[in-house]
Amino acid sequence: MISFKDDTSPSKKKKNQAFMLQVIEYQLERINMRFDEWYERVNKRDAKLQNEQFLRVANARRQEKLRF
């Protein structure tokens, strides 16, 4: 069995932990930004689909009125 000796000083460990927290925070900010972009695209697409559906219904009603 291989054993690894940890010769890292406590102050060096704290610096490393602080750096790792900064990296994780940056990654979470990027994920949040991507999620916001995705959310906006989905909302725009939903609005477009609702508008198209409304126009189809309005056009169908208009066609029914023209028949009578």
C-alpha atoms as a PDB file:
ATOM      1  CA  MET A   1       0.000   0.000   0.000  1.00  0.00           C
ATOM      2  CA  ILE A   2       1.327   3.383  -0.986  1.00  0.00           C
ATOM      3  CA  SER A   3       1.058   6.166   1.522  1.00  0.00           C
ATOM      4  CA  PHE A   4       1.449   9.808   0.665  1.00  0.00           C
ATOM      5  CA  LYS A   5       2.899  12.202   3.161  1.00  0.00           C
ATOM      6  CA  ASP A   6       1.262  15.635   3.164  1.00  0.00           C
ATOM      7  CA  ASP A   7       4.058  18.158   3.653  1.00  0.00           C
ATOM      8  CA  THR A   8       1.858  21.130   2.822  1.00  0.00           C
ATOM      9  CA  SER A   9       1.899  23.865   5.421  1.00  0.00           C
ATOM     10  CA  PRO A  10      -1.409  25.092   6.871  1.00  0.00           C
ATOM     11  CA  SER A  11      -0.977  28.551   5.300  1.00  0.00           C
ATOM     12  CA  LYS A  12      -0.357  26.980   1.894  1.00  0.00           C
ATOM     13  CA  LYS A  13      -3.465  24.816   2.331  1.00  0.00           C
ATOM     14  CA  LYS A  14      -5.565  27.898   3.124  1.00  0.00           C
ATOM     15  CA  LYS A  15      -4.276  29.667   0.001  1.00  0.00           C
ATOM     16  CA  ASN A  16      -5.055  26.593  -2.072  1.00  0.00           C
ATOM     17  CA  GLN A  17      -8.542  26.343  -0.593  1.00  0.00           C
ATOM     18  CA  ALA A  18      -9.179  30.030  -1.285  1.00  0.00           C
ATOM     19  CA  PHE A  19      -8.034  29.563  -4.880  1.00  0.00           C
ATOM     20  CA  MET A  20     -10.268  26.514  -5.318  1.00  0.00           C
ATOM     21  CA  LEU A  21     -13.241  28.464  -3.955  1.00  0.00           C
ATOM     22  CA  GLN A  22     -12.546  31.253  -6.459  1.00  0.00           C
ATOM     23  CA  VAL A  23     -12.423  28.721  -9.293  1.00  0.00           C
ATOM     24  CA  ILE A  24     -15.688  27.124  -8.189  1.00  0.00           C
ATOM     25  CA  GLU A  25     -17.337  30.544  -7.839  1.00  0.00           C
ATOM     26  CA  TYR A  26     -16.224  31.482 -11.365  1.00  0.00           C
ATOM     27  CA  GLN A  27     -17.570  28.217 -12.760  1.00  0.00           C
ATOM     28  CA  LEU A  28     -20.900  28.720 -11.012  1.00  0.00           C
ATOM     29  CA  GLU A  29     -21.143  32.255 -12.407  1.00  0.00           C
ATOM     30  CA  ARG A  30     -20.525  30.888 -15.913  1.00  0.00           C
ATOM     31  CA  ILE A  31     -23.161  28.185 -15.417  1.00  0.00           C
ATOM     32  CA  ASN A  32     -25.613  30.805 -14.156  1.00  0.00           C
ATOM     33  CA  MET A  33     -24.902  33.020 -17.161  1.00  0.00           C
ATOM     34  CA  ARG A  34     -25.482  30.114 -19.544  1.00  0.00           C
ATOM     35  CA  PHE A  35     -28.680  29.185 -17.762  1.00  0.00           C
ATOM     36  CA  ASP A  36     -29.937  32.784 -18.056  1.00  0.00           C
ATOM     37  CA  GLU A  37     -29.162  32.791 -21.796  1.00  0.00           C
ATOM     38  CA  TRP A  38     -30.982  29.495 -22.241  1.00  0.00           C
ATOM     39  CA  TYR A  39     -33.962  30.752 -20.214  1.00  0.00           C
ATOM     40  CA  GLU A  40     -34.239  33.882 -22.360  1.00  0.00           C
ATOM     41  CA  ARG A  41     -34.134  31.844 -25.573  1.00  0.00           C
ATOM     42  CA  VAL A  42     -36.833  29.483 -24.318  1.00  0.00           C
ATOM     43  CA  ASN A  43     -39.040  32.407 -23.286  1.00  0.00           C
ATOM     44  CA  LYS A  44     -38.606  34.089 -26.672  1.00  0.00           C
ATOM     45  CA  ARG A  45     -39.420  30.836 -28.460  1.00  0.00           C
ATOM     46  CA  ASP A  46     -42.508  30.305 -26.273  1.00  0.00           C
ATOM     47  CA  ALA A  47     -43.697  33.841 -26.982  1.00  0.00           C
ATOM     48  CA  LYS A  48     -43.162  33.309 -30.704  1.00  0.00           C
ATOM     49  CA  LEU A  49     -45.078  30.010 -30.633  1.00  0.00           C
ATOM     50  CA  GLN A  50     -47.944  31.567 -28.682  1.00  0.00           C
ATOM     51  CA  ASN A  51     -48.091  34.440 -31.160  1.00  0.00           C
ATOM     52  CA  GLU A  52     -48.119  32.023 -34.107  1.00  0.00           C
ATOM     53  CA  GLN A  53     -50.837  29.948 -32.462  1.00  0.00           C
ATOM     54  CA  PHE A  54     -52.895  33.093 -31.813  1.00  0.00           C
ATOM     55  CA  LEU A  55     -52.479  34.147 -35.445  1.00  0.00           C
ATOM     56  CA  ARG A  56     -53.572  30.703 -36.660  1.00  0.00           C
ATOM     57  CA  VAL A  57     -56.714  30.852 -34.522  1.00  0.00           C
ATOM     58  CA  ALA A  58     -57.435  34.422 -35.650  1.00  0.00           C
ATOM     59  CA  ASN A  59     -56.943  33.467 -39.301  1.00  0.00           C
ATOM     60  CA  ALA A  60     -59.186  30.422 -38.898  1.00  0.00           C
ATOM     61  CA  ARG A  61     -61.926  32.593 -37.390  1.00  0.00           C
ATOM     62  CA  ARG A  62     -61.512  35.101 -40.180  1.00  0.00           C
ATOM     63  CA  GLN A  63     -61.859  32.317 -42.749  1.00  0.00           C
ATOM     64  CA  GLU A  64     -65.034  31.068 -41.036  1.00  0.00           C
ATOM     65  CA  LYS A  65     -66.541  34.565 -41.178  1.00  0.00           C
ATOM     66  CA  LEU A  66     -65.736  34.815 -44.894  1.00  0.00           C
ATOM     67  CA  ARG A  67     -67.508  31.525 -45.612  1.00  0.00           C
ATOM     68  CA  PHE A  68     -70.796  32.747 -44.161  1.00  0.00           C
END
